[in-house]
Amino acid sequence: MNPVAVGNSRSKQQLRLNWPDGREQLLNHAELRRQCPCSQCRAFRLRGMTPLVDDRVRLVEVNSQGYGLQLVFSDGHERGIYPWAYLAGLGR
């Protein structure tokens, strides 16, 4: 299921997803960066380590990939593509 709207607030440091069921989901930029699904970040978490992410990191670019979003962060990280189902499961 794809969201009906996607918004990014740099001032509030939140990505907003509006889902077809009426639910609005707000995801913190730093937490999104910590939960990056790229292979490098996933391997880091599988080793039981939490990626060190500055709480001031910002989401500077949001690129649609059809099945999800590529997120580009102010720390230069841009490798992760976040599928819609993965995003929907974050913050629950």
C-alpha atoms as a PDB file:
ATOM      1  CA  MET A   1       0.000   0.000   0.000  1.00  0.00           C
ATOM      2  CA  ASN A   2       1.395   3.384  -1.036  1.00  0.00           C
ATOM      3  CA  PRO A   3       0.735   6.592   0.902  1.00  0.00           C
ATOM      4  CA  VAL A   4      -1.555   9.186  -0.646  1.00  0.00           C
ATOM      5  CA  ALA A   5       0.771  12.037   0.392  1.00  0.00           C
ATOM      6  CA  VAL A   6       4.395  12.449   1.470  1.00  0.00           C
ATOM      7  CA  GLY A   7       5.779  15.581   3.106  1.00  0.00           C
ATOM      8  CA  ASN A   8       9.091  16.545   4.649  1.00  0.00           C
ATOM      9  CA  SER A   9       9.479  19.200   7.343  1.00  0.00           C
ATOM     10  CA  ARG A  10      13.091  20.182   7.924  1.00  0.00           C
ATOM     11  CA  SER A  11      12.111  22.542  10.760  1.00  0.00           C
ATOM     12  CA  LYS A  12      10.223  19.805  12.637  1.00  0.00           C
ATOM     13  CA  GLN A  13      12.708  17.134  11.487  1.00  0.00           C
ATOM     14  CA  GLN A  14       9.860  14.856  10.411  1.00  0.00           C
ATOM     15  CA  LEU A  15       8.815  12.917   7.349  1.00  0.00           C
ATOM     16  CA  ARG A  16       5.011  12.831   7.094  1.00  0.00           C
ATOM     17  CA  LEU A  17       3.195   9.963   5.370  1.00  0.00           C
ATOM     18  CA  ASN A  18      -0.572   9.994   4.873  1.00  0.00           C
ATOM     19  CA  TRP A  19      -1.909   6.484   4.273  1.00  0.00           C
ATOM     20  CA  PRO A  20      -5.131   5.531   2.405  1.00  0.00           C
ATOM     21  CA  ASP A  21      -6.733   4.357   5.685  1.00  0.00           C
ATOM     22  CA  GLY A  22      -6.568   7.952   6.995  1.00  0.00           C
ATOM     23  CA  ARG A  23      -3.578   7.378   9.275  1.00  0.00           C
ATOM     24  CA  GLU A  24      -0.920  10.083   9.395  1.00  0.00           C
ATOM     25  CA  GLN A  25       2.555   8.847  10.273  1.00  0.00           C
ATOM     26  CA  LEU A  26       5.324  11.178  11.464  1.00  0.00           C
ATOM     27  CA  LEU A  27       8.865   9.801  11.329  1.00  0.00           C
ATOM     28  CA  ASN A  28      11.820  11.579  12.928  1.00  0.00           C
ATOM     29  CA  HIS A  29      14.736  12.274  10.568  1.00  0.00           C
ATOM     30  CA  ALA A  30      17.443  10.944  12.924  1.00  0.00           C
ATOM     31  CA  GLU A  31      15.457   7.776  13.639  1.00  0.00           C
ATOM     32  CA  LEU A  32      14.939   7.209   9.902  1.00  0.00           C
ATOM     33  CA  ARG A  33      18.703   7.516   9.435  1.00  0.00           C
ATOM     34  CA  ARG A  34      19.310   5.004  12.273  1.00  0.00           C
ATOM     35  CA  GLN A  35      16.883   2.554  10.657  1.00  0.00           C
ATOM     36  CA  CYS A  36      18.370   2.819   7.153  1.00  0.00           C
ATOM     37  CA  PRO A  37      17.718  -0.447   5.287  1.00  0.00           C
ATOM     38  CA  CYS A  38      20.864  -0.350   3.115  1.00  0.00           C
ATOM     39  CA  SER A  39      23.122  -3.396   3.327  1.00  0.00           C
ATOM     40  CA  GLN A  40      25.863  -1.574   5.239  1.00  0.00           C
ATOM     41  CA  CYS A  41      23.523  -0.219   7.941  1.00  0.00           C
ATOM     42  CA  ARG A  42      21.592  -3.503   8.155  1.00  0.00           C
ATOM     43  CA  ALA A  43      24.842  -5.452   8.656  1.00  0.00           C
ATOM     44  CA  PHE A  44      25.822  -3.016  11.392  1.00  0.00           C
ATOM     45  CA  ARG A  45      22.528  -3.644  13.232  1.00  0.00           C
ATOM     46  CA  LEU A  46      22.793  -7.430  12.717  1.00  0.00           C
ATOM     47  CA  ARG A  47      26.092  -7.318  14.613  1.00  0.00           C
ATOM     48  CA  GLY A  48      24.125  -5.835  17.526  1.00  0.00           C
ATOM     49  CA  MET A  49      25.434  -2.319  17.054  1.00  0.00           C
ATOM     50  CA  THR A  50      23.380   0.843  16.726  1.00  0.00           C
ATOM     51  CA  PRO A  51      24.564   3.263  14.048  1.00  0.00           C
ATOM     52  CA  LEU A  52      25.787   6.480  15.639  1.00  0.00           C
ATOM     53  CA  VAL A  53      23.631   9.236  14.204  1.00  0.00           C
ATOM     54  CA  ASP A  54      23.700  12.860  15.292  1.00  0.00           C
ATOM     55  CA  ASP A  55      20.217  13.925  16.425  1.00  0.00           C
ATOM     56  CA  ARG A  56      20.627  17.063  14.280  1.00  0.00           C
ATOM     57  CA  VAL A  57      20.778  15.071  11.020  1.00  0.00           C
ATOM     58  CA  ARG A  58      18.209  16.277   8.505  1.00  0.00           C
ATOM     59  CA  LEU A  59      16.445  14.667   5.589  1.00  0.00           C
ATOM     60  CA  VAL A  60      17.452  16.923   2.688  1.00  0.00           C
ATOM     61  CA  GLU A  61      15.999  15.045  -0.281  1.00  0.00           C
ATOM     62  CA  VAL A  62      13.159  12.576  -0.825  1.00  0.00           C
ATOM     63  CA  ASN A  63      13.188  10.635  -4.108  1.00  0.00           C
ATOM     64  CA  SER A  64      10.329   8.366  -5.119  1.00  0.00           C
ATOM     65  CA  GLN A  65      11.405   4.927  -6.323  1.00  0.00           C
ATOM     66  CA  GLY A  66       7.906   3.610  -7.032  1.00  0.00           C
ATOM     67  CA  TYR A  67       7.998   0.898  -4.372  1.00  0.00           C
ATOM     68  CA  GLY A  68       9.356   3.275  -1.715  1.00  0.00           C
ATOM     69  CA  LEU A  69      11.580   6.277  -1.078  1.00  0.00           C
ATOM     70  CA  GLN A  70      15.268   6.956  -1.402  1.00  0.00           C
ATOM     71  CA  LEU A  71      16.151   9.300   1.444  1.00  0.00           C
ATOM     72  CA  VAL A  72      19.161  11.609   1.323  1.00  0.00           C
ATOM     73  CA  PHE A  73      20.449  12.866   4.673  1.00  0.00           C
ATOM     74  CA  SER A  74      22.505  15.903   5.639  1.00  0.00           C
ATOM     75  CA  ASP A  75      25.370  13.619   6.736  1.00  0.00           C
ATOM     76  CA  GLY A  76      25.741  12.515   3.094  1.00  0.00           C
ATOM     77  CA  HIS A  77      24.158   9.082   3.524  1.00  0.00           C
ATOM     78  CA  GLU A  78      21.918   8.239   0.563  1.00  0.00           C
ATOM     79  CA  ARG A  79      22.245   4.487   0.009  1.00  0.00           C
ATOM     80  CA  GLY A  80      19.014   3.315   1.602  1.00  0.00           C
ATOM     81  CA  ILE A  81      15.770   2.807  -0.263  1.00  0.00           C
ATOM     82  CA  TYR A  82      12.907   2.530   2.206  1.00  0.00           C
ATOM     83  CA  PRO A  83      10.082   0.343   0.834  1.00  0.00           C
ATOM     84  CA  TRP A  84       6.546   1.486   1.695  1.00  0.00           C
ATOM     85  CA  ALA A  85       5.924  -1.552   3.904  1.00  0.00           C
ATOM     86  CA  TYR A  86       9.154  -0.886   5.807  1.00  0.00           C
ATOM     87  CA  LEU A  87       8.187   2.745   6.380  1.00  0.00           C
ATOM     88  CA  ALA A  88       4.689   1.743   7.482  1.00  0.00           C
ATOM     89  CA  GLY A  89       6.206  -0.565  10.103  1.00  0.00           C
ATOM     90  CA  LEU A  90       8.498   2.073  11.608  1.00  0.00           C
ATOM     91  CA  GLY A  91       7.285   3.920  14.664  1.00  0.00           C
ATOM     92  CA  ARG A  92       4.768   1.275  15.680  1.00  0.00           C
END
